[in-house]
Amino acid sequence: MKYKQFTLEKPIIKFHHLLYDPLNVRTINSNKIQSIFVDVQDLVWIGTDRGITQYNWFAKQIRSYQVNSSLYTDVNIEEIFIPEKDHAILCYDSGEVVHFNLQSGENKPVHEDYGFIEPINDAMNFVEAEEGVLYIVRLSGITKIDFYSRTQSELLTPKPILGLLKAHRSKAVCVTRDE
């Protein structure tokens, strides 16, 4: 086997600082950033205490959405997931998981819009396992939601879960607490 040796030039990295400016509507909606999600189109979604912001770093465009919680006055979006165009699944720090319609601005508990069995009000975080599938860490265990087949299943664990680091297909890496 022959190997060809080569060196790469130093990459040029540009940083774009996104800051809230109350006098400019084309900024993020708050500097208190809780979460960041990059969707399949490489759009960056930023969750804050006042809603979500979509940042298209190729076009340098910002679009902010005001989101309201049905349970609390503060939003504090801890997790964002974009299962399909114009739809966002949000997890508030209160544990509420909602479906937010980006076109209409309406948000409802995720079980109402997707026909799942029970409301989710005790979520700690969630992670996308594969396209369209979320694993939601709850006080009672893990809930698997498939947005394409519109199914929900409960995966109980022997120990309390503190967080879900990574999930893919049938494997998950969890942080648990020994009692």
Foldseek 3Di string as FASTA:
>chain_A
DDDDDDDDDDDDDDDDDFADDPVDQFGEPHPAWQDWDQDPVRWIWTQGQFFIWTADVVVRGIDTAGAQDPVDRTFAWNDWDDLDPQWIWTAGCQFFIWIARNVVRDIDFPCVVLVEDDGTRFFRYWDAADRQWIWTQGQQAIWIARSVVSYIDGDGDPFGFPAWDYHHDPDTDTDGDDD
